[in-house]
C-alpha atoms as a PDB file:
ATOM      1  CA  MET A   1      25.706   2.218   9.856  1.00  0.00           C
ATOM      2  CA  SER A   2      22.796  -0.144  10.407  1.00  0.00           C
ATOM      3  CA  LYS A   3      20.891  -1.466   7.425  1.00  0.00           C
ATOM      4  CA  ARG A   4      17.273  -0.482   7.086  1.00  0.00           C
ATOM      5  CA  ARG A   5      14.577  -3.059   7.746  1.00  0.00           C
ATOM      6  CA  ILE A   6      11.300  -3.103   5.824  1.00  0.00           C
ATOM      7  CA  GLY A   7       8.328  -4.462   7.740  1.00  0.00           C
ATOM      8  CA  VAL A   8       5.593  -6.358   5.931  1.00  0.00           C
ATOM      9  CA  LEU A   9       2.235  -6.606   7.685  1.00  0.00           C
ATOM     10  CA  ALA A  10       1.700 -10.371   7.874  1.00  0.00           C
ATOM     11  CA  LEU A  11      -1.758 -10.765   9.378  1.00  0.00           C
ATOM     12  CA  GLN A  12      -3.514 -11.955   6.226  1.00  0.00           C
ATOM     13  CA  GLY A  13      -3.113 -11.650   2.469  1.00  0.00           C
ATOM     14  CA  ALA A  14      -0.181 -11.677   0.053  1.00  0.00           C
ATOM     15  CA  PHE A  15       2.625 -10.726   2.437  1.00  0.00           C
ATOM     16  CA  TYR A  16       5.104 -13.437   1.425  1.00  0.00           C
ATOM     17  CA  GLU A  17       5.192 -12.249  -2.191  1.00  0.00           C
ATOM     18  CA  HIS A  18       6.160  -8.742  -1.033  1.00  0.00           C
ATOM     19  CA  GLU A  19       8.900 -10.168   1.174  1.00  0.00           C
ATOM     20  CA  ARG A  20      10.299 -12.163  -1.738  1.00  0.00           C
ATOM     21  CA  ILE A  21      10.555  -9.051  -3.922  1.00  0.00           C
ATOM     22  CA  LEU A  22      12.157  -7.007  -1.139  1.00  0.00           C
ATOM     23  CA  VAL A  23      14.774  -9.716  -0.538  1.00  0.00           C
ATOM     24  CA  SER A  24      15.497  -9.862  -4.292  1.00  0.00           C
ATOM     25  CA  LEU A  25      16.197  -6.109  -4.080  1.00  0.00           C
ATOM     26  CA  GLY A  26      18.690  -6.662  -1.258  1.00  0.00           C
ATOM     27  CA  GLU A  27      16.483  -5.470   1.604  1.00  0.00           C
ATOM     28  CA  ASP A  28      16.176  -6.883   5.101  1.00  0.00           C
ATOM     29  CA  THR A  29      12.554  -7.670   5.920  1.00  0.00           C
ATOM     30  CA  SER A  30      10.559  -8.633   8.968  1.00  0.00           C
ATOM     31  CA  GLU A  31       6.986  -9.759   9.385  1.00  0.00           C
ATOM     32  CA  VAL A  32       4.756  -7.552  11.509  1.00  0.00           C
ATOM     33  CA  ARG A  33       2.270  -9.703  13.440  1.00  0.00           C
ATOM     34  CA  ARG A  34       2.349  -8.044  16.884  1.00  0.00           C
ATOM     35  CA  LYS A  35       2.727  -4.513  18.189  1.00  0.00           C
ATOM     36  CA  GLU A  36       6.294  -5.310  19.276  1.00  0.00           C
ATOM     37  CA  ASP A  37       7.195  -6.120  15.655  1.00  0.00           C
ATOM     38  CA  LEU A  38       6.810  -2.435  14.736  1.00  0.00           C
ATOM     39  CA  LYS A  39       9.966  -1.574  16.689  1.00  0.00           C
ATOM     40  CA  GLY A  40      12.978  -0.849  14.524  1.00  0.00           C
ATOM     41  CA  ILE A  41      11.305  -0.938  11.122  1.00  0.00           C
ATOM     42  CA  SER A  42      12.293   1.715   8.579  1.00  0.00           C
ATOM     43  CA  ALA A  43       9.118   1.373   6.483  1.00  0.00           C
ATOM     44  CA  LEU A  44       6.054  -0.841   6.189  1.00  0.00           C
ATOM     45  CA  ILE A  45       4.215  -2.573   3.367  1.00  0.00           C
ATOM     46  CA  ILE A  46       0.520  -3.341   3.895  1.00  0.00           C
ATOM     47  CA  PRO A  47      -0.397  -6.070   1.406  1.00  0.00           C
ATOM     48  CA  GLY A  48      -3.576  -6.954  -0.378  1.00  0.00           C
ATOM     49  CA  GLY A  49      -5.993  -9.361   1.236  1.00  0.00           C
ATOM     50  CA  GLU A  50      -9.334  -8.750   2.918  1.00  0.00           C
ATOM     51  CA  SER A  51      -9.398  -5.234   4.350  1.00  0.00           C
ATOM     52  CA  THR A  52     -12.151  -5.915   6.894  1.00  0.00           C
ATOM     53  CA  THR A  53     -10.253  -8.922   8.288  1.00  0.00           C
ATOM     54  CA  ILE A  54      -6.913  -7.090   8.373  1.00  0.00           C
ATOM     55  CA  GLY A  55      -8.547  -4.047  10.032  1.00  0.00           C
ATOM     56  CA  LYS A  56     -10.205  -6.235  12.662  1.00  0.00           C
ATOM     57  CA  LEU A  57      -6.920  -8.000  13.433  1.00  0.00           C
ATOM     58  CA  LEU A  58      -5.063  -4.678  13.662  1.00  0.00           C
ATOM     59  CA  ARG A  59      -7.514  -3.619  16.363  1.00  0.00           C
ATOM     60  CA  GLU A  60      -7.592  -6.944  18.244  1.00  0.00           C
ATOM     61  CA  LEU A  61      -3.778  -7.136  18.336  1.00  0.00           C
ATOM     62  CA  ASP A  62      -3.488  -3.484  19.464  1.00  0.00           C
ATOM     63  CA  ILE A  63      -1.438  -2.569  16.376  1.00  0.00           C
ATOM     64  CA  LEU A  64      -3.826  -0.037  14.790  1.00  0.00           C
ATOM     65  CA  ASP A  65      -3.274   2.998  17.029  1.00  0.00           C
ATOM     66  CA  PRO A  66       0.535   2.694  17.377  1.00  0.00           C
ATOM     67  CA  LEU A  67       0.832   2.148  13.624  1.00  0.00           C
ATOM     68  CA  LYS A  68      -1.303   5.193  12.870  1.00  0.00           C
ATOM     69  CA  VAL A  69       0.909   7.314  15.153  1.00  0.00           C
ATOM     70  CA  MET A  70       4.056   6.016  13.438  1.00  0.00           C
ATOM     71  CA  ILE A  71       2.676   6.836   9.975  1.00  0.00           C
ATOM     72  CA  ASP A  72       1.514  10.282  11.125  1.00  0.00           C
ATOM     73  CA  ASN A  73       5.087  10.805  12.392  1.00  0.00           C
ATOM     74  CA  GLY A  74       6.569   9.966   8.988  1.00  0.00           C
ATOM     75  CA  LEU A  75       6.985   6.177   8.772  1.00  0.00           C
ATOM     76  CA  PRO A  76       7.045   5.433   5.024  1.00  0.00           C
ATOM     77  CA  VAL A  77       4.254   3.036   4.072  1.00  0.00           C
ATOM     78  CA  MET A  78       3.054   1.346   0.898  1.00  0.00           C
ATOM     79  CA  GLY A  79      -0.468  -0.059   0.820  1.00  0.00           C
ATOM     80  CA  THR A  80      -1.575  -2.318  -2.021  1.00  0.00           C
ATOM     81  CA  CYS A  81      -5.233  -3.151  -2.744  1.00  0.00           C
ATOM     82  CA  ALA A  82      -6.597  -3.855   0.781  1.00  0.00           C
ATOM     83  CA  GLY A  83      -3.668  -1.818   2.116  1.00  0.00           C
ATOM     84  CA  GLU A  84      -4.901   1.141   0.078  1.00  0.00           C
ATOM     85  CA  ILE A  85      -8.369   0.761   1.623  1.00  0.00           C
ATOM     86  CA  LEU A  86      -6.883   0.691   5.136  1.00  0.00           C
ATOM     87  CA  LEU A  87      -4.918   3.906   4.469  1.00  0.00           C
ATOM     88  CA  ALA A  88      -7.926   5.825   3.070  1.00  0.00           C
ATOM     89  CA  ASP A  89      -9.723   8.171   5.447  1.00  0.00           C
ATOM     90  CA  SER A  90     -12.994   7.488   3.610  1.00  0.00           C
ATOM     91  CA  VAL A  91     -14.282   4.238   2.084  1.00  0.00           C
ATOM     92  CA  ASP A  92     -17.399   4.128  -0.097  1.00  0.00           C
ATOM     93  CA  GLY A  93     -18.228   7.662   1.061  1.00  0.00           C
ATOM     94  CA  ARG A  94     -18.085   6.831   4.786  1.00  0.00           C
ATOM     95  CA  LYS A  95     -15.436   7.894   7.299  1.00  0.00           C
ATOM     96  CA  SER A  96     -12.952   5.073   7.834  1.00  0.00           C
ATOM     97  CA  ASP A  97     -12.145   3.702  11.277  1.00  0.00           C
ATOM     98  CA  TYR A  98      -8.994   1.954  10.057  1.00  0.00           C
ATOM     99  CA  ILE A  99      -5.567   3.586   9.656  1.00  0.00           C
ATOM    100  CA  ALA A 100      -7.097   6.521   7.725  1.00  0.00           C
ATOM    101  CA  THR A 101      -3.907   8.533   7.111  1.00  0.00           C
ATOM    102  CA  ILE A 102      -4.497   9.560   3.466  1.00  0.00           C
ATOM    103  CA  PRO A 103      -7.260  12.080   2.661  1.00  0.00           C
ATOM    104  CA  MET A 104      -9.021  10.156  -0.097  1.00  0.00           C
ATOM    105  CA  ASN A 105     -12.208   8.247  -0.765  1.00  0.00           C
ATOM    106  CA  VAL A 106     -11.734   4.684  -2.006  1.00  0.00           C
ATOM    107  CA  ARG A 107     -14.414   2.585  -3.640  1.00  0.00           C
ATOM    108  CA  ARG A 108     -14.086  -0.982  -2.338  1.00  0.00           C
ATOM    109  CA  ASN A 109     -14.348  -3.926  -4.817  1.00  0.00           C
ATOM    110  CA  ALA A 110     -14.837  -1.367  -7.581  1.00  0.00           C
ATOM    111  CA  TYR A 111     -13.909  -3.787 -10.341  1.00  0.00           C
ATOM    112  CA  GLY A 112     -16.351  -6.493  -9.269  1.00  0.00           C
ATOM    113  CA  ARG A 113     -15.889 -10.073  -8.182  1.00  0.00           C
ATOM    114  CA  GLN A 114     -12.849 -12.318  -8.501  1.00  0.00           C
ATOM    115  CA  LEU A 115     -13.935 -13.204 -12.058  1.00  0.00           C
ATOM    116  CA  GLY A 116     -13.620  -9.513 -12.938  1.00  0.00           C
ATOM    117  CA  SER A 117      -9.883  -9.578 -12.222  1.00  0.00           C
ATOM    118  CA  PHE A 118      -7.601  -8.329 -15.000  1.00  0.00           C
ATOM    119  CA  ILE A 119      -4.100  -7.183 -15.874  1.00  0.00           C
ATOM    120  CA  ALA A 120      -3.352  -3.866 -17.569  1.00  0.00           C
ATOM    121  CA  ASN A 121      -0.097  -2.215 -18.628  1.00  0.00           C
ATOM    122  CA  GLU A 122      -0.180   1.472 -17.736  1.00  0.00           C
ATOM    123  CA  ASP A 123       2.047   4.451 -17.005  1.00  0.00           C
ATOM    124  CA  PHE A 124       3.209   5.086 -13.447  1.00  0.00           C
ATOM    125  CA  TYR A 125       4.663   8.486 -12.602  1.00  0.00           C
ATOM    126  CA  GLY A 126       8.397   8.249 -11.925  1.00  0.00           C
ATOM    127  CA  ILE A 127       8.848   4.868 -13.634  1.00  0.00           C
ATOM    128  CA  ASP A 128      10.037   4.468 -17.232  1.00  0.00           C
ATOM    129  CA  GLY A 129       7.883   2.278 -19.457  1.00  0.00           C
ATOM    130  CA  LYS A 130       4.516   0.667 -18.864  1.00  0.00           C
ATOM    131  CA  VAL A 131       3.957  -1.104 -15.550  1.00  0.00           C
ATOM    132  CA  PRO A 132       1.952  -4.351 -15.295  1.00  0.00           C
ATOM    133  CA  MET A 133      -0.992  -3.822 -12.956  1.00  0.00           C
ATOM    134  CA  CYS A 134      -2.821  -6.884 -11.609  1.00  0.00           C
ATOM    135  CA  PHE A 135      -6.318  -6.016 -10.349  1.00  0.00           C
ATOM    136  CA  ILE A 136      -8.046  -8.608  -8.131  1.00  0.00           C
ATOM    137  CA  ARG A 137     -11.349  -7.506  -6.572  1.00  0.00           C
ATOM    138  CA  ALA A 138      -9.586  -4.169  -6.542  1.00  0.00           C
ATOM    139  CA  PRO A 139     -10.614  -0.756  -5.267  1.00  0.00           C
ATOM    140  CA  TYR A 140      -9.997   2.511  -7.030  1.00  0.00           C
ATOM    141  CA  ILE A 141      -9.653   6.035  -5.710  1.00  0.00           C
ATOM    142  CA  GLU A 142     -12.791   8.090  -6.344  1.00  0.00           C
ATOM    143  CA  SER A 143     -11.464  11.359  -4.949  1.00  0.00           C
ATOM    144  CA  ALA A 144      -8.331  12.673  -3.281  1.00  0.00           C
ATOM    145  CA  GLY A 145      -7.801  15.567  -0.917  1.00  0.00           C
ATOM    146  CA  GLN A 146      -5.281  18.366  -0.782  1.00  0.00           C
ATOM    147  CA  GLY A 147      -1.667  17.280  -1.069  1.00  0.00           C
ATOM    148  CA  VAL A 148      -2.496  13.853  -2.523  1.00  0.00           C
ATOM    149  CA  ARG A 149      -0.717  13.357  -5.857  1.00  0.00           C
ATOM    150  CA  VAL A 150      -1.970  10.958  -8.518  1.00  0.00           C
ATOM    151  CA  VAL A 151       0.799   8.628  -9.744  1.00  0.00           C
ATOM    152  CA  ALA A 152      -1.213   6.045 -11.722  1.00  0.00           C
ATOM    153  CA  ARG A 153      -4.448   5.693 -13.676  1.00  0.00           C
ATOM    154  CA  CYS A 154      -6.101   2.783 -15.419  1.00  0.00           C
ATOM    155  CA  ASN A 155      -8.983   3.277 -17.849  1.00  0.00           C
ATOM    156  CA  GLY A 156      -9.315   6.860 -16.607  1.00  0.00           C
ATOM    157  CA  ARG A 157      -9.636   5.867 -12.943  1.00  0.00           C
ATOM    158  CA  VAL A 158      -7.080   6.776 -10.272  1.00  0.00           C
ATOM    159  CA  VAL A 159      -5.296   3.621  -9.074  1.00  0.00           C
ATOM    160  CA  GLY A 160      -2.210   5.074  -7.386  1.00  0.00           C
ATOM    161  CA  VAL A 161      -1.443   8.079  -5.175  1.00  0.00           C
ATOM    162  CA  ARG A 162       1.367   9.498  -3.060  1.00  0.00           C
ATOM    163  CA  TYR A 163       0.797  11.502   0.078  1.00  0.00           C
ATOM    164  CA  ASP A 164       3.791  12.604   2.124  1.00  0.00           C
ATOM    165  CA  SER A 165       5.702   9.352   2.776  1.00  0.00           C
ATOM    166  CA  GLN A 166       2.765   7.138   1.816  1.00  0.00           C
ATOM    167  CA  LEU A 167       2.127   5.257  -1.439  1.00  0.00           C
ATOM    168  CA  ALA A 168      -1.292   3.676  -2.020  1.00  0.00           C
ATOM    169  CA  ILE A 169      -2.059   1.567  -5.079  1.00  0.00           C
ATOM    170  CA  SER A 170      -5.126  -0.404  -6.137  1.00  0.00           C
ATOM    171  CA  PHE A 171      -3.292  -3.269  -7.799  1.00  0.00           C
ATOM    172  CA  HIS A 172      -0.904  -6.077  -6.792  1.00  0.00           C
ATOM    173  CA  PRO A 173       2.687  -5.318  -7.894  1.00  0.00           C
ATOM    174  CA  GLU A 174       3.952  -8.400  -6.068  1.00  0.00           C
ATOM    175  CA  ILE A 175       2.202 -10.766  -8.509  1.00  0.00           C
ATOM    176  CA  SER A 176       3.730  -9.660 -11.812  1.00  0.00           C
ATOM    177  CA  GLY A 177       7.370 -10.248 -10.869  1.00  0.00           C
ATOM    178  CA  ASP A 178       8.167  -6.671 -11.933  1.00  0.00           C
ATOM    179  CA  THR A 179      10.138  -5.055  -9.089  1.00  0.00           C
ATOM    180  CA  ARG A 180       9.853  -1.428 -10.246  1.00  0.00           C
ATOM    181  CA  ILE A 181       6.982  -0.403  -7.923  1.00  0.00           C
ATOM    182  CA  HIS A 182       8.865  -1.718  -4.886  1.00  0.00           C
ATOM    183  CA  SER A 183      12.044   0.002  -6.113  1.00  0.00           C
ATOM    184  CA  TYR A 184      10.084   3.243  -6.546  1.00  0.00           C
ATOM    185  CA  PHE A 185       8.840   2.954  -2.967  1.00  0.00           C
ATOM    186  CA  LEU A 186      12.299   2.186  -1.596  1.00  0.00           C
ATOM    187  CA  ASN A 187      14.232   4.744  -3.636  1.00  0.00           C
ATOM    188  CA  SER A 188      11.777   7.592  -4.101  1.00  0.00           C
ATOM    189  CA  VAL A 189       9.004   7.526  -1.486  1.00  0.00           C
ATOM    190  CA  MET A 190      11.247   6.382   1.402  1.00  0.00           C
ATOM    191  CA  GLN A 191      13.910   8.899   0.430  1.00  0.00           C
ATOM    192  CA  GLY A 192      11.344  11.714   0.457  1.00  0.00           C
ATOM    193  CA  GLN A 193      11.876  12.664  -3.190  1.00  0.00           C
ATOM    194  CA  SER A 194       9.208  15.102  -4.295  1.00  0.00           C
ATOM    195  CA  LEU A 195       7.002  14.561  -7.299  1.00  0.00           C
END
């Protein structure tokens, strides 16, 4: 039986940190930089970074449309911060022209500038104990459509959702060193466990 391989979108942003956590959990990883790199992956992580830049590169490298088809066909995906923005079908109240596979509206840079960054310890559905959440120029989810389940809140705002085989979170789990969000993705979302 072949081992699964987790792709990490490596066009811009904090992709290395995600790879490091996945390797520490015993997973095989590969960087996705070209359309051909999508072949053979079992799941994909879309890291934080600059969503406009990542979206532009996805289009220029002809990755956007094939990736969207793969996600629509059930490829498990986790988007963090900018990754969450790319997965949203609406950003700041306008229809998204990015991946747009989760029916939700995301408010970009909702927590302000870099100086407004903070860490909170909050509950995350399906994980025991508080989870450290690092917010850096982070978005939050203003509204979510049918079938989207809230899995995390911070200060009353929605900062994590699940939709089918997709997990979108506003914060950076790769920074804290806590591996529980990645484990949740690998062992719950990828396995199709219901909420």
